[in-house]
Amino acid sequence: MAPHEGLVHPKEYDIKDSNVELIGSDLDHRVKYNSAATEPAWNNGQIGQEAGLWIWRIENFEVVPWPKSRAGEFYDGDSYIVLHSYKVGDDKLGHDVFFWLGSKTTQDEAGTAAYKTVELDEFLHGAATQHREVQQQPSEDFVSLFRRITIRSGGVASGFNHVEEEEPKEVTTLLRVFKHPGAGRIDSIIVYEVEPTWQSLDDKDVFVLDKGDKIWVWQGKTCSPMEKAKAAQVVNDMTLAKHVDVEVLSQLESRSKIFVDLLGGKEVDQLSFQAPRPVSFSKRSQDQSGASRPSKLFRLSDASGSPSFNLVKDGGPVRRSDLDGNDVFLYDVGSRLWVWQGSGASEREKALWLKVAQAYVRHLQQNQDDPDAYLTPISKVVEGYESPAFLKWIEV
């Protein structure tokens, strides 16, 4: 069977009628595990056996290994799967599986990434924490895996309605370099390809302009020393493959106007620039202070014979005693959604978690003044295999 067999019709794995009782059943798990066992991407002798970081890109419904030398580099037209396996004690591994969706990825790629993430979890015997990541609002857990995240325009051609890169008449690439506020690694940096125009400039960050025959660096007047240093590393990497001149300009010097002119701003005489960053970050910290919205705990249960979704706690801390191992709970901490799956939850409850989480996000977007709610990271943990990131939100 080809690796992509059956993925063209994902509804076969999303049955709502008479076959719903098979979803998540032992038979369903065996079918998915057998499929995972034949997936070349998972069968390299390391997955599930060693600690480490592995990345794959979705290409024409297939899971293709991403070069380790390009770890942290993503394209906005693609979808990726990232596995982080880490040691828990001396003889146990914990796993975080992320499916990362570029802002211009296709429905086919996004669906394949989500499906294959579930398959990878099956291969890891259901012990992984699953995360949905979107380009526009990366979680701290994801960003902390990399010293640098680079997001470029374009992506792999899939044969569907996909973003295609046009051959430019002249090389003009503008990169925005800025620090992630509060990521696990304090030196995590985002390098983001932005529209090559002066309207993309901002006083707080550093910008690198590749004109093909020369590279220009523009240091915003309030950028940090670390951003300057990281931009220098970016330029160094860019010049390894080609020998071109590099000129660094500080916004505080009058000569920096050359940079603005190169970006079409010859008629612009403003002294300050304020362009919103292309990604947003939660204002809520790990200690649960400064929430963008009050925390809420919901229960997903079909104990009555049909699925129900009810609010069980509005505000305040959530304790282990609030969670019942017979059901599934959705915990909205303001900056992200956690789904906790009890070990005794029914197969129907287990099958519904992602749909319920996505429906909840849509509800937030439609009924509250929160147009960016759809960007909220969604993560699922299983009772007994809770990740450290989840446990930070739970009181004993």
Protein backbone atom coordinates (compact mmCIF):
# COMPACT_ATOMS: atom_id res chain seq x y z
CA MET A 1 0.00 0.00 0.00
CA ALA A 2 1.35 3.40 -0.94
CA PRO A 3 1.98 5.72 2.03
CA HIS A 4 -0.76 8.10 0.91
CA GLU A 5 -3.36 5.38 0.24
CA GLY A 6 -6.68 6.31 1.81
CA LEU A 7 -5.65 9.87 2.65
CA VAL A 8 -7.46 11.32 -0.34
CA HIS A 9 -10.74 10.46 1.40
CA PRO A 10 -10.20 11.39 5.07
CA LYS A 11 -13.95 11.08 5.79
CA GLU A 12 -13.41 7.33 6.04
CA TYR A 13 -11.70 8.08 9.37
CA ASP A 14 -14.33 10.58 10.51
CA ILE A 15 -17.52 8.54 10.56
CA LYS A 16 -20.56 9.98 12.34
CA ASP A 17 -23.17 7.33 11.53
CA SER A 18 -23.57 3.65 12.34
CA ASN A 19 -19.83 2.95 12.33
CA VAL A 20 -18.98 5.57 14.94
CA GLU A 21 -18.45 2.88 17.58
CA LEU A 22 -15.37 1.69 15.68
CA ILE A 23 -13.61 5.04 16.01
CA GLY A 24 -10.91 4.63 18.64
CA SER A 25 -11.76 0.96 19.22
CA ASP A 26 -9.11 -1.74 19.52
CA LEU A 27 -9.72 -2.59 15.88
CA ASP A 28 -9.34 1.06 14.87
CA HIS A 29 -6.10 1.34 16.84
CA ARG A 30 -4.73 -1.85 15.25
CA VAL A 31 -5.58 -0.62 11.76
CA LYS A 32 -3.90 2.73 12.38
CA TYR A 33 -0.89 1.14 14.08
CA ASN A 34 -0.40 -1.27 11.18
CA SER A 35 -0.53 1.70 8.82
CA ALA A 36 2.01 3.54 10.98
CA ALA A 37 4.21 0.46 11.09
CA THR A 38 4.58 0.62 7.31
CA GLU A 39 5.26 4.38 7.15
CA PRO A 40 8.94 4.79 6.18
CA ALA A 41 9.20 8.10 8.03
CA TRP A 42 8.61 6.46 11.42
CA ASN A 43 10.72 3.37 10.75
CA ASN A 44 14.25 4.70 10.82
CA GLY A 45 15.26 2.79 13.96
CA GLN A 46 15.26 5.98 16.05
CA ILE A 47 11.62 7.13 16.34
CA GLY A 48 10.26 6.03 19.71
CA GLN A 49 13.63 4.64 20.71
CA GLU A 50 15.85 7.69 21.15
CA ALA A 51 15.60 11.24 22.43
CA GLY A 52 15.95 13.88 19.74
CA LEU A 53 14.25 16.20 17.26
CA TRP A 54 12.83 15.05 13.92
CA ILE A 55 11.08 17.12 11.26
CA TRP A 56 9.11 16.09 8.18
CA ARG A 57 7.44 18.10 5.42
CA ILE A 58 4.22 17.01 3.73
CA GLU A 59 4.85 16.58 0.01
CA ASN A 60 2.09 15.18 -2.21
CA PHE A 61 0.45 13.36 0.71
CA GLU A 62 3.76 11.83 1.78
CA VAL A 63 5.87 12.44 4.89
CA VAL A 64 9.33 13.49 3.70
CA PRO A 65 12.26 13.90 6.14
CA TRP A 66 13.44 17.50 6.47
CA PRO A 67 17.25 17.96 6.56
CA LYS A 68 18.61 18.40 10.07
CA SER A 69 20.78 21.21 8.74
CA ARG A 70 17.55 23.15 8.01
CA ALA A 71 15.89 22.58 11.39
CA GLY A 72 13.86 25.66 12.26
CA GLU A 73 13.39 26.70 8.62
CA PHE A 74 9.79 26.65 7.38
CA TYR A 75 7.88 27.82 4.30
CA ASP A 76 4.51 29.53 4.58
CA GLY A 77 3.08 27.39 1.78
CA ASP A 78 3.78 24.08 3.54
CA SER A 79 2.74 21.85 6.44
CA TYR A 80 5.23 20.07 8.69
CA ILE A 81 5.33 17.48 11.45
CA VAL A 82 7.85 17.96 14.27
CA LEU A 83 8.61 15.27 16.85
CA HIS A 84 10.49 16.13 20.03
CA SER A 85 11.33 13.07 22.15
CA TYR A 86 12.89 13.63 25.55
CA LYS A 87 13.98 11.48 28.46
CA VAL A 88 11.69 11.05 31.46
CA GLY A 89 13.74 9.31 34.11
CA ASP A 90 16.28 6.70 33.08
CA ASP A 91 14.24 4.33 30.93
CA LYS A 92 11.26 6.27 29.58
CA LEU A 93 10.69 8.73 26.78
CA GLY A 94 8.20 11.57 26.57
CA HIS A 95 7.03 12.83 23.18
CA ASP A 96 5.66 16.09 21.80
CA VAL A 97 4.26 15.90 18.25
CA PHE A 98 3.50 19.19 16.49
CA PHE A 99 1.78 19.63 13.16
CA TRP A 100 2.74 23.09 11.90
CA LEU A 101 0.51 24.75 9.33
CA GLY A 102 1.86 27.52 7.12
CA SER A 103 -0.44 30.47 6.47
CA LYS A 104 -0.70 29.50 2.78
CA THR A 105 -0.64 25.71 3.02
CA THR A 106 -3.27 23.75 1.12
CA GLN A 107 -6.21 21.91 2.67
CA ASP A 108 -4.68 18.66 1.42
CA GLU A 109 -1.36 19.29 3.15
CA ALA A 110 -2.94 20.46 6.40
CA GLY A 111 -5.25 17.44 6.49
CA THR A 112 -2.41 15.05 5.76
CA ALA A 113 -0.27 16.60 8.51
CA ALA A 114 -3.09 16.25 11.05
CA TYR A 115 -3.81 12.66 10.02
CA LYS A 116 -0.17 11.64 10.05
CA THR A 117 0.30 13.24 13.47
CA VAL A 118 -2.38 10.91 14.83
CA GLU A 119 -0.68 8.02 13.06
CA LEU A 120 2.67 8.93 14.62
CA ASP A 121 0.99 9.02 18.03
CA GLU A 122 -0.33 5.51 17.36
CA PHE A 123 3.21 4.43 16.48
CA LEU A 124 4.31 5.83 19.84
CA HIS A 125 1.53 3.82 21.53
CA GLY A 126 -0.62 6.86 22.33
CA ALA A 127 1.94 8.36 24.70
CA ALA A 128 2.58 11.61 22.79
CA THR A 129 1.26 15.08 23.46
CA GLN A 130 -0.22 16.36 20.21
CA HIS A 131 -0.07 20.03 19.23
CA ARG A 132 -1.64 22.04 16.42
CA GLU A 133 0.65 24.95 15.56
CA VAL A 134 -0.17 27.81 13.20
CA GLN A 135 2.41 30.06 11.61
CA GLN A 136 0.88 33.32 12.79
CA GLN A 137 0.96 32.49 16.51
CA PRO A 138 3.59 29.93 17.52
CA SER A 139 3.50 28.56 21.05
CA GLU A 140 6.43 28.95 23.42
CA ASP A 141 6.80 25.16 23.54
CA PHE A 142 7.34 25.07 19.79
CA VAL A 143 9.64 28.09 19.51
CA SER A 144 11.80 26.85 22.39
CA LEU A 145 12.79 23.82 20.30
CA PHE A 146 14.87 26.03 18.00
CA ARG A 147 17.51 28.69 18.46
CA ARG A 148 16.22 30.32 15.32
CA ILE A 149 12.96 29.98 13.39
CA THR A 150 13.08 31.17 9.79
CA ILE A 151 9.84 31.56 7.86
CA ARG A 152 10.22 32.06 4.12
CA SER A 153 7.72 32.61 1.33
CA GLY A 154 6.82 29.78 -1.05
CA GLY A 155 6.78 26.04 -0.59
CA VAL A 156 6.71 22.67 -2.27
CA ALA A 157 4.48 22.37 -5.35
CA SER A 158 1.70 19.87 -4.66
CA GLY A 159 -0.27 19.88 -7.89
CA PHE A 160 -3.28 21.44 -6.13
CA ASN A 161 -4.21 25.07 -5.48
CA HIS A 162 -0.86 25.93 -3.99
CA VAL A 163 1.30 29.01 -3.62
CA GLU A 164 3.79 29.07 -6.44
CA GLU A 165 6.92 31.21 -6.32
CA GLU A 166 7.32 33.38 -9.37
CA GLU A 167 10.78 33.95 -10.74
CA PRO A 168 11.64 37.53 -9.72
CA LYS A 169 13.10 39.88 -12.28
CA GLU A 170 15.43 41.16 -9.61
CA VAL A 171 16.41 39.54 -6.32
CA THR A 172 14.86 41.54 -3.51
CA THR A 173 14.30 39.66 -0.27
CA LEU A 174 13.57 41.41 3.03
CA LEU A 175 13.96 39.52 6.29
CA ARG A 176 12.73 40.81 9.66
CA VAL A 177 14.74 39.64 12.68
CA PHE A 178 13.24 39.83 16.16
CA LYS A 179 13.34 38.09 19.53
CA HIS A 180 10.56 35.86 20.78
CA PRO A 181 9.36 37.40 24.06
CA GLY A 182 9.60 34.92 26.88
CA ALA A 183 10.30 31.67 25.00
CA GLY A 184 11.86 28.81 26.92
CA ARG A 185 15.17 29.61 25.30
CA ILE A 186 15.77 33.25 26.07
CA ASP A 187 17.75 33.65 22.87
CA SER A 188 15.10 32.28 20.51
CA ILE A 189 14.91 34.43 17.38
CA ILE A 190 12.36 34.67 14.59
CA VAL A 191 13.59 35.43 11.06
CA TYR A 192 10.57 36.23 8.93
CA GLU A 193 10.43 37.06 5.22
CA VAL A 194 8.24 40.14 4.79
CA GLU A 195 7.06 42.27 1.88
CA PRO A 196 10.10 44.12 0.47
CA THR A 197 8.71 47.61 1.02
CA TRP A 198 9.54 50.42 3.43
CA GLN A 199 6.10 49.91 5.06
CA SER A 200 7.48 46.66 6.52
CA LEU A 201 10.05 48.52 8.64
CA ASP A 202 9.82 48.92 12.39
CA ASP A 203 12.06 50.79 14.83
CA LYS A 204 12.21 47.82 17.26
CA ASP A 205 13.74 45.20 14.93
CA VAL A 206 16.58 44.49 12.53
CA PHE A 207 16.00 44.04 8.79
CA VAL A 208 18.19 42.26 6.24
CA LEU A 209 17.76 43.18 2.58
CA ASP A 210 19.23 40.87 -0.06
CA LYS A 211 19.54 42.68 -3.38
CA GLY A 212 21.45 39.87 -5.04
CA ASP A 213 24.68 41.76 -5.58
CA LYS A 214 24.75 43.26 -2.09
CA ILE A 215 23.24 42.65 1.34
CA TRP A 216 22.08 45.54 3.48
CA VAL A 217 21.37 45.44 7.22
CA TRP A 218 19.14 48.08 8.83
CA GLN A 219 19.19 48.25 12.63
CA GLY A 220 16.07 49.83 14.11
CA LYS A 221 16.85 52.52 16.67
CA THR A 222 15.38 50.54 19.58
CA CYS A 223 16.41 47.01 18.53
CA SER A 224 18.24 44.87 21.08
CA PRO A 225 21.94 43.92 20.99
CA MET A 226 20.89 40.28 20.69
CA GLU A 227 18.81 41.03 17.60
CA LYS A 228 21.81 42.77 16.07
CA ALA A 229 24.00 39.76 16.83
CA LYS A 230 21.47 37.26 15.45
CA ALA A 231 21.03 39.33 12.29
CA ALA A 232 24.80 39.18 11.84
CA GLN A 233 24.58 35.36 12.01
CA VAL A 234 21.82 35.37 9.42
CA VAL A 235 23.95 37.49 7.10
CA ASN A 236 26.93 35.22 7.66
CA ASP A 237 24.85 32.20 6.62
CA MET A 238 23.64 34.05 3.54
CA THR A 239 27.16 34.97 2.43
CA LEU A 240 28.58 31.46 2.82
CA ALA A 241 27.14 30.46 -0.55
CA LYS A 242 28.00 33.69 -2.35
CA HIS A 243 30.59 36.40 -1.90
CA VAL A 244 28.83 39.76 -1.85
CA ASP A 245 29.36 43.05 -0.07
CA VAL A 246 27.50 43.67 3.18
CA GLU A 247 26.71 47.11 4.58
CA VAL A 248 25.26 47.68 8.05
CA LEU A 249 23.26 50.85 8.72
CA SER A 250 21.88 52.10 12.01
CA GLN A 251 18.57 53.93 11.89
CA LEU A 252 20.18 56.54 14.11
CA GLU A 253 22.52 57.63 11.31
CA SER A 254 21.33 59.74 8.41
CA ARG A 255 22.86 57.38 5.85
CA SER A 256 20.22 54.77 6.83
CA LYS A 257 17.84 56.59 4.48
CA ILE A 258 19.53 54.62 1.69
CA PHE A 259 17.86 51.48 3.03
CA VAL A 260 14.42 53.13 2.97
CA ASP A 261 15.06 54.35 -0.58
CA LEU A 262 15.97 50.83 -1.74
CA LEU A 263 12.55 49.71 -0.51
CA GLY A 264 10.69 52.32 -2.54
CA GLY A 265 10.62 55.04 0.10
CA LYS A 266 12.52 57.82 -1.70
CA GLU A 267 9.68 60.25 -1.07
CA VAL A 268 9.35 59.21 2.57
CA ASP A 269 10.81 61.56 5.16
CA GLN A 270 9.45 60.04 8.37
CA LEU A 271 11.86 59.33 11.20
CA SER A 272 9.93 56.53 12.86
CA PHE A 273 8.50 53.25 11.51
CA GLN A 274 5.90 51.02 13.13
CA ALA A 275 4.87 47.89 11.24
CA PRO A 276 3.03 45.14 13.18
CA ARG A 277 4.99 41.97 13.56
CA PRO A 278 3.89 39.17 11.20
CA VAL A 279 3.42 36.78 14.12
CA SER A 280 1.70 37.34 17.45
CA PHE A 281 2.57 35.96 20.85
CA SER A 282 0.40 35.31 23.85
CA LYS A 283 0.53 38.00 26.51
CA ARG A 284 -0.13 35.38 29.14
CA SER A 285 2.87 33.98 30.97
CA GLN A 286 3.50 30.49 32.32
CA ASP A 287 2.51 31.54 35.85
CA GLN A 288 -1.05 32.21 34.68
CA SER A 289 -0.89 35.97 35.22
CA GLY A 290 -2.19 38.61 32.85
CA ALA A 291 -4.63 36.37 31.02
CA SER A 292 -6.12 37.62 27.78
CA ARG A 293 -9.38 35.88 28.78
CA PRO A 294 -10.45 34.07 31.98
CA SER A 295 -9.51 30.40 32.25
CA LYS A 296 -12.32 27.88 31.79
CA LEU A 297 -12.63 24.12 32.20
CA PHE A 298 -15.14 22.13 30.13
CA ARG A 299 -16.15 18.47 30.24
CA LEU A 300 -16.83 16.35 27.15
CA SER A 301 -18.85 13.28 28.09
CA ASP A 302 -21.23 10.81 26.50
CA ALA A 303 -22.25 9.14 29.77
CA SER A 304 -25.89 10.08 29.08
CA GLY A 305 -25.86 8.28 25.75
CA SER A 306 -25.11 11.31 23.58
CA PRO A 307 -22.12 13.67 23.66
CA SER A 308 -22.40 16.72 25.94
CA PHE A 309 -20.04 19.62 26.43
CA ASN A 310 -20.45 21.55 29.69
CA LEU A 311 -18.64 24.27 31.63
CA VAL A 312 -17.46 22.90 34.99
CA LYS A 313 -15.15 25.69 36.18
CA ASP A 314 -15.04 29.37 35.28
CA GLY A 315 -11.87 31.10 36.47
CA GLY A 316 -9.54 30.12 39.26
CA PRO A 317 -6.97 27.31 39.35
CA VAL A 318 -7.65 23.82 38.03
CA ARG A 319 -6.65 20.91 40.24
CA ARG A 320 -6.13 17.25 39.47
CA SER A 321 -9.26 16.49 41.44
CA ASP A 322 -11.25 18.51 38.88
CA LEU A 323 -10.36 15.98 36.17
CA ASP A 324 -12.26 12.70 35.86
CA GLY A 325 -10.45 9.84 34.12
CA ASN A 326 -13.71 8.65 32.55
CA ASP A 327 -14.10 11.74 30.36
CA VAL A 328 -12.30 14.29 28.19
CA PHE A 329 -11.74 17.86 29.41
CA LEU A 330 -10.98 21.05 27.51
CA TYR A 331 -8.95 23.54 29.54
CA ASP A 332 -8.80 27.07 28.11
CA VAL A 333 -5.91 28.84 29.83
CA GLY A 334 -6.28 31.98 27.74
CA SER A 335 -3.14 31.60 25.66
CA ARG A 336 -3.89 28.08 24.43
CA LEU A 337 -6.32 25.19 24.67
CA TRP A 338 -5.34 22.01 26.47
CA VAL A 339 -7.36 18.85 25.92
CA TRP A 340 -6.93 16.24 28.67
CA GLN A 341 -8.01 12.72 27.75
CA GLY A 342 -8.88 10.45 30.65
CA SER A 343 -7.61 6.89 30.41
CA GLY A 344 -11.17 5.63 30.83
CA ALA A 345 -12.76 8.00 28.30
CA SER A 346 -15.05 6.38 25.75
CA GLU A 347 -13.93 5.82 22.19
CA ARG A 348 -16.44 8.40 20.93
CA GLU A 349 -15.12 11.00 23.38
CA LYS A 350 -11.55 10.33 22.26
CA ALA A 351 -12.56 10.67 18.62
CA LEU A 352 -14.30 14.02 19.13
CA TRP A 353 -11.64 15.99 20.97
CA LEU A 354 -10.12 17.89 18.01
CA LYS A 355 -13.49 18.72 16.46
CA VAL A 356 -14.80 20.01 19.79
CA ALA A 357 -11.65 22.10 20.36
CA GLN A 358 -11.89 23.63 16.89
CA ALA A 359 -15.61 24.30 17.32
CA TYR A 360 -14.87 26.03 20.64
CA VAL A 361 -12.27 28.26 18.94
CA ARG A 362 -14.79 29.18 16.24
CA HIS A 363 -17.30 30.04 18.96
CA LEU A 364 -14.76 32.38 20.60
CA GLN A 365 -14.11 34.09 17.31
CA GLN A 366 -17.78 34.56 16.46
CA ASN A 367 -19.12 35.55 19.87
CA GLN A 368 -16.28 37.55 21.41
CA ASP A 369 -14.17 40.47 20.33
CA ASP A 370 -11.30 38.14 19.52
CA PRO A 371 -10.67 38.03 15.76
CA ASP A 372 -7.45 36.08 16.25
CA ALA A 373 -8.98 33.28 18.33
CA TYR A 374 -8.54 30.85 15.44
CA LEU A 375 -4.78 31.12 15.91
CA THR A 376 -4.93 29.68 19.44
CA PRO A 377 -2.57 26.69 19.82
CA ILE A 378 -4.39 23.43 20.61
CA SER A 379 -2.69 20.58 22.46
CA LYS A 380 -3.87 17.18 23.71
CA VAL A 381 -2.42 15.15 26.57
CA VAL A 382 -3.36 11.69 27.80
CA GLU A 383 -3.81 10.80 31.46
CA GLY A 384 -0.60 9.27 32.76
CA TYR A 385 1.48 10.85 29.98
CA GLU A 386 0.95 14.55 30.75
CA SER A 387 3.71 16.79 29.45
CA PRO A 388 5.63 19.16 31.76
CA ALA A 389 4.12 22.12 29.89
CA PHE A 390 0.60 20.95 30.76
CA LEU A 391 1.42 20.17 34.38
CA LYS A 392 2.52 23.78 34.91
CA TRP A 393 -1.15 24.74 34.61
CA ILE A 394 -2.42 22.17 37.11
CA GLU A 395 -2.41 22.56 40.89
CA VAL A 396 -1.93 19.44 42.97
